[in-house]
Amino acid sequence: MARSGYTLPVFACAAAKAALQYLRQPQGITAVSVDLGSPPQTVVIPIEQLAPLPGGAVLGVTRSDPGDNLDLTRYTPVWALVAWGDPGQEEPLVLEGGEGVGRSGGQAAIYAYARSLMGANLTLMAGETLRVTIILPEGRALGERTANPAFGVVGGLGLLGTTGISQPLSAPEQLDSLLEQLGTKAAQSKQLVFCVGENGLDLARQAGVPPEVLVKTANWLGPLLVAAGLQGVEQLLLLGYHGKLIKLAGGIFHTHHHLADGRQEIFTAHAGALGVPAPHLQVLLASPTAEAARQYLLGVPEGPLWLAQIDHSLGTAIDRRTQAYILKHSQRLVRVGCGLFSQARRWIYFSQVGQELWQSLIPSPQDLPAFPGPLDHGGGLP
């Protein structure tokens, strides 16, 4: 049975609570209880280290444990630097984000649940004020491997979530749920939109795509594509972050990074086939992310033109390989098109079929998004 764990705010709160207890009375603390609020239960969180620092602050350290979820934050250290409030501090508790905590709109990406959790568990006595700085030593590196920038969180991880429990679905349970959703939608329409992730779903909704054709696939694209063919879907539009959908151009139909990657290799292979010079190919292949590869090309003289050609090559390959995959495993021919967006949630490419399918779904022309060239460099779609 899959084991549940706790969300990142819970560990930040536990580290802060342990540091506050030490600040009041220096002692060895190996665990603290945290009232989750949502759900209404109290849990015990192990504390890895406590360290008094010069100036009177105390550092509490714990490690994230999200349970059996495939989560990048597994075992990442969570630090809380706790000190009494500055003279004249009016707020009882000032909560700040240090290194590794992302920023959103100029503010630390510490959201409502995390703040309420801290307020409920860091009980202050009359006249006391407290300053807490959350630090995620690995947060900046981990943040680059997530979709956080698409949510406006940059420079690290956010303390997200609306609950303290990180409850996993087993692989069969999650796939069964998605297949059930697909069956319901396929019974209503023979033209569907597969959204690989919450951002694609959100962009489609904002543009006015009818909800009855929208299917969120998560990373289970392969089984869902085959199921769509078997259930008689005739036209399929794939919408997703380019760093996800690019995998389909390489024949990877389960897109979770824990199982398969190859984004830079696929991107570089298409660039090489189009004649991009070898020195640039070496940079593309060594880029830490697909987004970084795109940004590199935008910074070289011929890069925007190359990028337009690469996007067209990738989009064509995504359509072709996906259609072939469905035909091979379901013996059904489905018309497939794709639309890709950047980390900034801006459309960067629609294949020809993708554009036709998109336009057929939008209620009226004025609801169409502007279709820029690659990252707004150039006119309409290739």
Protein backbone atom coordinates (compact mmCIF):
# COMPACT_ATOMS: atom_id res chain seq x y z
CA MET A 1 0.00 0.00 0.00
CA ALA A 2 1.31 3.47 -0.89
CA ARG A 3 2.59 5.44 2.12
CA SER A 4 1.40 9.00 2.64
CA GLY A 5 3.72 11.76 3.80
CA TYR A 6 3.57 15.47 4.53
CA THR A 7 3.84 18.63 2.46
CA LEU A 8 6.81 21.00 2.59
CA PRO A 9 5.12 23.59 4.87
CA VAL A 10 4.78 20.94 7.59
CA PHE A 11 8.53 20.34 7.75
CA ALA A 12 9.29 24.08 7.71
CA CYS A 13 6.89 24.52 10.62
CA ALA A 14 8.42 21.60 12.54
CA ALA A 15 11.95 22.99 12.15
CA ALA A 16 10.76 26.41 13.34
CA LYS A 17 8.86 24.97 16.31
CA ALA A 18 11.89 22.98 17.46
CA ALA A 19 14.12 26.06 17.15
CA LEU A 20 11.63 28.13 19.17
CA GLN A 21 11.57 25.53 21.94
CA TYR A 22 15.36 25.56 22.04
CA LEU A 23 15.38 29.36 22.01
CA ARG A 24 13.27 29.32 25.18
CA GLN A 25 15.09 26.45 26.87
CA PRO A 26 18.25 24.89 25.35
CA GLN A 27 17.73 21.14 25.27
CA GLY A 28 18.02 18.14 23.02
CA ILE A 29 14.95 17.82 20.78
CA THR A 30 14.54 14.85 18.46
CA ALA A 31 10.93 15.41 17.37
CA VAL A 32 8.07 17.90 17.65
CA SER A 33 4.32 17.65 17.20
CA VAL A 34 2.64 19.74 14.52
CA ASP A 35 -1.08 20.46 14.39
CA LEU A 36 -1.85 20.22 10.67
CA GLY A 37 -5.13 22.12 10.83
CA SER A 38 -6.04 20.66 7.45
CA PRO A 39 -6.76 17.85 8.03
CA PRO A 40 -7.48 18.31 11.75
CA GLN A 41 -4.82 16.04 13.21
CA THR A 42 -1.50 16.25 15.02
CA VAL A 43 1.60 14.50 13.68
CA VAL A 44 5.12 13.98 15.00
CA ILE A 45 8.00 15.19 12.81
CA PRO A 46 11.62 14.13 13.46
CA ILE A 47 14.19 16.89 13.99
CA GLU A 48 17.62 16.26 12.55
CA GLN A 49 19.66 19.06 14.15
CA LEU A 50 19.43 22.14 16.35
CA ALA A 51 22.20 24.72 16.51
CA PRO A 52 22.44 27.97 18.52
CA LEU A 53 24.10 30.69 16.44
CA PRO A 54 25.98 33.87 17.32
CA GLY A 55 23.57 36.70 17.96
CA GLY A 56 21.02 34.54 19.74
CA ALA A 57 19.26 32.84 16.82
CA VAL A 58 18.66 29.09 16.66
CA LEU A 59 18.73 26.96 13.51
CA GLY A 60 16.37 23.98 13.30
CA VAL A 61 16.84 21.32 10.62
CA THR A 62 14.56 18.56 9.38
CA ARG A 63 14.10 16.72 6.08
CA SER A 64 11.12 16.52 3.77
CA ASP A 65 9.31 13.18 3.52
CA PRO A 66 6.44 13.27 1.00
CA GLY A 67 5.71 9.56 1.40
CA ASP A 68 5.54 7.38 -1.68
CA ASN A 69 4.85 10.26 -4.04
CA LEU A 70 7.37 10.81 -6.85
CA ASP A 71 8.42 14.15 -5.43
CA LEU A 72 11.62 16.11 -6.08
CA THR A 73 11.66 17.35 -2.48
CA ARG A 74 12.14 13.88 -1.01
CA TYR A 75 14.72 14.06 1.81
CA THR A 76 15.67 17.64 0.96
CA PRO A 77 16.84 19.54 4.08
CA VAL A 78 14.50 22.17 5.48
CA TRP A 79 16.01 24.83 7.74
CA ALA A 80 14.31 27.36 10.00
CA LEU A 81 16.32 30.23 11.46
CA VAL A 82 14.42 31.54 14.48
CA ALA A 83 15.19 34.67 16.52
CA TRP A 84 13.32 37.00 18.81
CA GLY A 85 11.75 39.91 16.98
CA ASP A 86 13.54 43.18 16.33
CA PRO A 87 12.92 46.10 18.70
CA GLY A 88 9.74 47.86 17.66
CA GLN A 89 8.42 44.87 15.70
CA GLU A 90 4.63 45.17 15.75
CA GLU A 91 3.65 41.82 14.22
CA PRO A 92 3.94 38.88 16.64
CA LEU A 93 5.41 36.68 13.88
CA VAL A 94 7.42 37.79 10.86
CA LEU A 95 7.91 34.97 8.37
CA GLU A 96 10.58 35.36 5.69
CA GLY A 97 12.00 33.29 2.85
CA GLY A 98 15.75 32.79 2.74
CA GLU A 99 18.00 31.01 0.26
CA GLY A 100 16.18 28.41 -1.82
CA VAL A 101 12.70 29.76 -1.15
CA GLY A 102 11.34 31.09 -4.44
CA ARG A 103 9.99 34.58 -5.04
CA SER A 104 6.64 35.45 -6.55
CA GLY A 105 5.74 39.04 -7.35
CA GLY A 106 8.73 40.22 -5.34
CA GLN A 107 7.58 38.37 -2.22
CA ALA A 108 8.71 35.08 -0.68
CA ALA A 109 6.61 32.24 -2.12
CA ILE A 110 5.19 31.27 1.27
CA TYR A 111 1.47 30.79 0.80
CA ALA A 112 -1.62 30.90 3.01
CA TYR A 113 -1.54 27.36 4.39
CA ALA A 114 2.14 27.62 5.38
CA ARG A 115 1.54 30.95 7.12
CA SER A 116 -1.52 29.73 8.99
CA LEU A 117 0.36 26.57 10.03
CA MET A 118 3.18 28.66 11.49
CA GLY A 119 0.74 30.94 13.28
CA ALA A 120 -1.11 28.03 14.86
CA ASN A 121 1.96 26.10 16.00
CA LEU A 122 4.42 28.81 17.03
CA THR A 123 2.56 29.86 20.17
CA LEU A 124 3.93 33.10 21.58
CA MET A 125 3.61 34.39 25.13
CA ALA A 126 2.44 37.89 25.97
CA GLY A 127 4.89 40.49 24.69
CA GLU A 128 6.94 38.05 22.61
CA THR A 129 7.69 38.66 18.94
CA LEU A 130 9.45 36.27 16.62
CA ARG A 131 11.28 36.36 13.31
CA VAL A 132 11.44 33.12 11.31
CA THR A 133 13.44 32.66 8.12
CA ILE A 134 12.85 29.48 6.12
CA ILE A 135 15.85 28.22 4.14
CA LEU A 136 15.88 25.42 1.57
CA PRO A 137 19.57 24.76 0.81
CA GLU A 138 18.73 22.68 -2.29
CA GLY A 139 15.69 24.75 -3.25
CA ARG A 140 17.25 26.82 -6.02
CA ALA A 141 18.54 23.76 -7.89
CA LEU A 142 15.31 21.81 -7.34
CA GLY A 143 13.20 24.76 -8.47
CA GLU A 144 14.87 24.68 -11.88
CA ARG A 145 13.58 21.13 -12.36
CA THR A 146 9.95 22.00 -11.65
CA ALA A 147 7.21 23.97 -13.36
CA ASN A 148 7.42 26.65 -10.63
CA PRO A 149 8.39 29.41 -13.10
CA ALA A 150 5.14 28.77 -14.94
CA PHE A 151 3.37 29.74 -11.72
CA GLY A 152 5.52 32.85 -11.36
CA VAL A 153 7.80 31.34 -8.69
CA VAL A 154 11.47 31.94 -9.47
CA GLY A 155 14.74 31.31 -7.66
CA GLY A 156 13.65 28.28 -5.67
CA LEU A 157 10.72 26.30 -4.31
CA GLY A 158 7.48 27.67 -2.94
CA LEU A 159 5.85 26.59 0.30
CA LEU A 160 2.71 25.53 -1.54
CA GLY A 161 -0.25 23.39 -0.66
CA THR A 162 -3.59 23.66 1.09
CA THR A 163 -3.18 20.62 3.32
CA GLY A 164 -0.50 18.98 5.42
CA ILE A 165 -0.93 15.47 4.02
CA SER A 166 0.84 14.41 0.85
CA GLN A 167 -1.45 11.54 -0.14
CA PRO A 168 -0.22 9.40 -3.03
CA LEU A 169 -2.39 7.54 -5.46
CA SER A 170 -0.91 4.23 -6.51
CA ALA A 171 -0.09 3.99 -10.20
CA PRO A 172 -3.08 1.73 -10.96
CA GLU A 173 -5.45 3.98 -8.98
CA GLN A 174 -4.30 7.13 -10.77
CA LEU A 175 -4.44 5.56 -14.21
CA ASP A 176 -7.89 4.07 -13.54
CA SER A 177 -9.16 7.51 -12.52
CA LEU A 178 -7.79 9.14 -15.67
CA LEU A 179 -9.18 6.40 -17.93
CA GLU A 180 -12.60 6.83 -16.34
CA GLN A 181 -12.44 10.58 -17.02
CA LEU A 182 -11.39 9.91 -20.62
CA GLY A 183 -14.26 7.47 -21.14
CA THR A 184 -16.78 10.06 -19.97
CA LYS A 185 -15.37 12.76 -22.27
CA ALA A 186 -15.03 10.44 -25.29
CA ALA A 187 -18.71 9.52 -24.98
CA GLN A 188 -19.57 13.21 -25.37
CA SER A 189 -17.19 14.23 -28.15
CA LYS A 190 -15.01 12.64 -30.84
CA GLN A 191 -12.63 15.61 -30.64
CA LEU A 192 -10.67 15.90 -27.38
CA VAL A 193 -7.91 18.06 -25.94
CA PHE A 194 -5.23 16.33 -23.87
CA CYS A 195 -3.61 18.72 -21.38
CA VAL A 196 -0.28 17.51 -20.01
CA GLY A 197 -0.39 19.23 -16.65
CA GLU A 198 -2.37 21.92 -14.87
CA ASN A 199 -0.91 24.81 -16.86
CA GLY A 200 -2.11 23.48 -20.22
CA LEU A 201 -5.54 22.91 -18.69
CA ASP A 202 -5.62 26.44 -17.30
CA LEU A 203 -4.55 28.06 -20.59
CA ALA A 204 -7.17 26.09 -22.51
CA ARG A 205 -9.90 27.10 -20.07
CA GLN A 206 -8.88 30.76 -20.23
CA ALA A 207 -9.09 30.68 -24.03
CA GLY A 208 -12.61 29.25 -23.91
CA VAL A 209 -12.06 25.62 -24.90
CA PRO A 210 -15.25 23.75 -23.84
CA PRO A 211 -14.68 21.85 -20.57
CA GLU A 212 -16.40 18.73 -21.92
CA VAL A 213 -13.48 18.10 -24.32
CA LEU A 214 -10.64 18.79 -21.86
CA VAL A 215 -8.75 15.80 -20.44
CA LYS A 216 -5.86 16.20 -18.00
CA THR A 217 -3.42 13.37 -18.65
CA ALA A 218 -0.68 13.92 -16.08
CA ASN A 219 2.25 11.76 -17.25
CA TRP A 220 0.10 8.84 -18.46
CA LEU A 221 0.05 9.89 -22.10
CA GLY A 222 0.78 6.47 -23.61
CA PRO A 223 -2.12 4.51 -22.09
CA LEU A 224 -4.52 7.42 -22.54
CA LEU A 225 -3.59 7.89 -26.21
CA VAL A 226 -4.29 4.23 -26.89
CA ALA A 227 -7.54 4.39 -24.91
CA ALA A 228 -8.61 7.44 -26.95
CA GLY A 229 -8.14 5.46 -30.15
CA LEU A 230 -10.02 2.45 -28.81
CA GLN A 231 -12.93 4.67 -27.69
CA GLY A 232 -13.39 6.16 -31.13
CA VAL A 233 -11.82 9.59 -30.69
CA GLU A 234 -11.22 10.98 -34.17
CA GLN A 235 -9.29 14.21 -33.50
CA LEU A 236 -6.89 14.94 -30.68
CA LEU A 237 -5.16 18.17 -29.71
CA LEU A 238 -2.16 17.88 -27.35
CA LEU A 239 -1.40 20.95 -25.23
CA GLY A 240 1.57 21.13 -22.91
CA TYR A 241 4.80 22.70 -21.75
CA HIS A 242 7.38 22.21 -24.51
CA GLY A 243 9.76 20.48 -22.07
CA LYS A 244 7.14 17.75 -21.63
CA LEU A 245 5.75 17.34 -25.14
CA ILE A 246 9.22 17.34 -26.70
CA LYS A 247 9.61 13.81 -25.31
CA LEU A 248 6.91 12.56 -27.68
CA ALA A 249 9.07 13.66 -30.62
CA GLY A 250 11.61 11.12 -29.36
CA GLY A 251 9.07 8.33 -28.91
CA ILE A 252 8.82 8.69 -25.10
CA PHE A 253 5.13 8.31 -24.15
CA HIS A 254 5.39 8.23 -20.36
CA THR A 255 6.65 11.70 -19.57
CA HIS A 256 7.60 11.58 -15.88
CA HIS A 257 11.27 12.54 -15.50
CA HIS A 258 11.84 9.71 -13.00
CA LEU A 259 11.19 7.17 -15.76
CA ALA A 260 12.52 8.77 -18.93
CA ASP A 261 14.03 12.02 -20.08
CA GLY A 262 16.09 12.92 -23.14
CA ARG A 263 14.74 16.43 -23.76
CA GLN A 264 18.11 18.00 -24.52
CA GLU A 265 19.12 15.05 -26.68
CA ILE A 266 15.90 15.25 -28.72
CA PHE A 267 16.15 19.04 -29.06
CA THR A 268 19.81 18.83 -30.11
CA ALA A 269 19.14 16.02 -32.60
CA HIS A 270 16.51 18.12 -34.40
CA ALA A 271 18.80 21.14 -34.34
CA GLY A 272 21.63 19.08 -35.85
CA ALA A 273 19.38 17.64 -38.56
CA LEU A 274 18.50 21.21 -39.55
CA GLY A 275 22.16 22.19 -39.90
CA VAL A 276 22.80 24.15 -36.71
CA PRO A 277 26.63 24.34 -36.41
CA ALA A 278 28.40 21.91 -34.09
CA PRO A 279 29.64 24.49 -31.50
CA HIS A 280 26.03 25.50 -30.86
CA LEU A 281 24.93 21.87 -30.71
CA GLN A 282 27.45 21.25 -27.96
CA VAL A 283 25.93 24.08 -25.89
CA LEU A 284 22.39 22.85 -26.51
CA LEU A 285 23.25 19.32 -25.44
CA ALA A 286 24.91 20.58 -22.25
CA SER A 287 22.03 22.93 -21.34
CA PRO A 288 20.51 22.09 -17.93
CA THR A 289 16.93 22.40 -19.23
CA ALA A 290 15.03 22.60 -22.52
CA GLU A 291 14.08 26.16 -21.61
CA ALA A 292 17.75 27.07 -21.17
CA ALA A 293 18.49 25.67 -24.64
CA ARG A 294 15.78 27.89 -26.12
CA GLN A 295 17.09 30.96 -24.32
CA TYR A 296 20.61 30.26 -25.57
CA LEU A 297 19.46 30.22 -29.19
CA LEU A 298 17.61 33.50 -28.72
CA GLY A 299 20.93 35.06 -27.74
CA VAL A 300 22.86 34.20 -30.92
CA PRO A 301 22.45 36.06 -34.25
CA GLU A 302 20.72 33.33 -36.24
CA GLY A 303 19.18 31.67 -33.20
CA PRO A 304 15.56 32.89 -33.55
CA LEU A 305 15.39 31.59 -37.13
CA TRP A 306 16.90 28.26 -36.09
CA LEU A 307 14.47 28.07 -33.19
CA ALA A 308 11.48 28.56 -35.48
CA GLN A 309 12.74 25.70 -37.67
CA ILE A 310 13.41 23.47 -34.64
CA ASP A 311 9.94 24.11 -33.24
CA HIS A 312 8.39 23.21 -36.58
CA SER A 313 10.50 20.04 -36.80
CA LEU A 314 9.61 19.01 -33.23
CA GLY A 315 5.91 19.79 -33.65
CA THR A 316 5.73 17.78 -36.86
CA ALA A 317 7.49 14.86 -35.14
CA ILE A 318 5.14 15.05 -32.12
CA ASP A 319 2.08 14.83 -34.39
CA ARG A 320 3.51 12.07 -36.58
CA ARG A 321 4.90 9.85 -33.81
CA THR A 322 1.79 10.22 -31.64
CA GLN A 323 -0.50 9.31 -34.53
CA ALA A 324 1.69 6.29 -35.33
CA TYR A 325 1.73 5.23 -31.66
CA ILE A 326 -2.08 5.28 -31.47
CA LEU A 327 -2.41 3.40 -34.77
CA LYS A 328 0.10 0.74 -33.72
CA HIS A 329 -1.54 -0.04 -30.38
CA SER A 330 -5.23 0.50 -31.16
CA GLN A 331 -5.44 -0.01 -34.93
CA ARG A 332 -7.33 3.30 -35.09
CA LEU A 333 -6.31 6.35 -37.13
CA VAL A 334 -6.63 9.54 -35.07
CA ARG A 335 -5.87 13.02 -36.42
CA VAL A 336 -3.34 14.57 -34.01
CA GLY A 337 -2.11 18.15 -33.57
CA CYS A 338 -0.10 19.88 -30.87
CA GLY A 339 0.38 23.24 -29.16
CA LEU A 340 3.42 24.06 -27.02
CA PHE A 341 3.93 26.83 -24.45
CA SER A 342 6.97 28.14 -22.58
CA GLN A 343 7.65 28.34 -18.85
CA ALA A 344 6.21 31.84 -19.00
CA ARG A 345 2.88 30.31 -20.13
CA ARG A 346 3.16 31.84 -23.59
CA TRP A 347 2.33 29.88 -26.70
CA ILE A 348 5.46 29.26 -28.73
CA TYR A 349 4.30 26.86 -31.44
CA PHE A 350 1.22 25.18 -32.89
CA SER A 351 1.54 22.54 -35.58
CA GLN A 352 -0.64 23.06 -38.63
CA VAL A 353 -3.13 20.43 -37.46
CA GLY A 354 -2.89 21.79 -33.92
CA GLN A 355 -3.84 25.28 -35.07
CA GLU A 356 -6.79 23.94 -37.07
CA LEU A 357 -8.09 21.92 -34.13
CA TRP A 358 -7.60 24.83 -31.71
CA GLN A 359 -9.50 27.24 -33.94
CA SER A 360 -12.35 24.76 -34.33
CA LEU A 361 -12.78 24.64 -30.55
CA ILE A 362 -12.71 28.33 -29.65
CA PRO A 363 -16.18 29.90 -29.44
CA SER A 364 -15.35 33.04 -31.42
CA PRO A 365 -12.33 34.52 -33.22
CA GLN A 366 -11.78 37.24 -30.64
CA ASP A 367 -11.15 34.54 -28.02
CA LEU A 368 -8.15 33.22 -29.93
CA PRO A 369 -4.81 33.89 -28.23
CA ALA A 370 -2.19 35.74 -30.25
CA PHE A 371 -0.04 33.14 -31.99
CA PRO A 372 3.47 34.59 -31.88
CA GLY A 373 6.52 33.14 -33.51
CA PRO A 374 9.11 31.48 -31.27
CA LEU A 375 9.05 33.38 -27.98
CA ASP A 376 7.61 36.47 -29.72
CA HIS A 377 10.42 36.67 -32.29
CA GLY A 378 8.69 36.99 -35.63
CA GLY A 379 5.18 36.87 -37.00
CA GLY A 380 2.63 34.10 -37.21
CA LEU A 381 2.93 30.38 -36.91
CA PRO A 382 5.50 28.54 -39.01
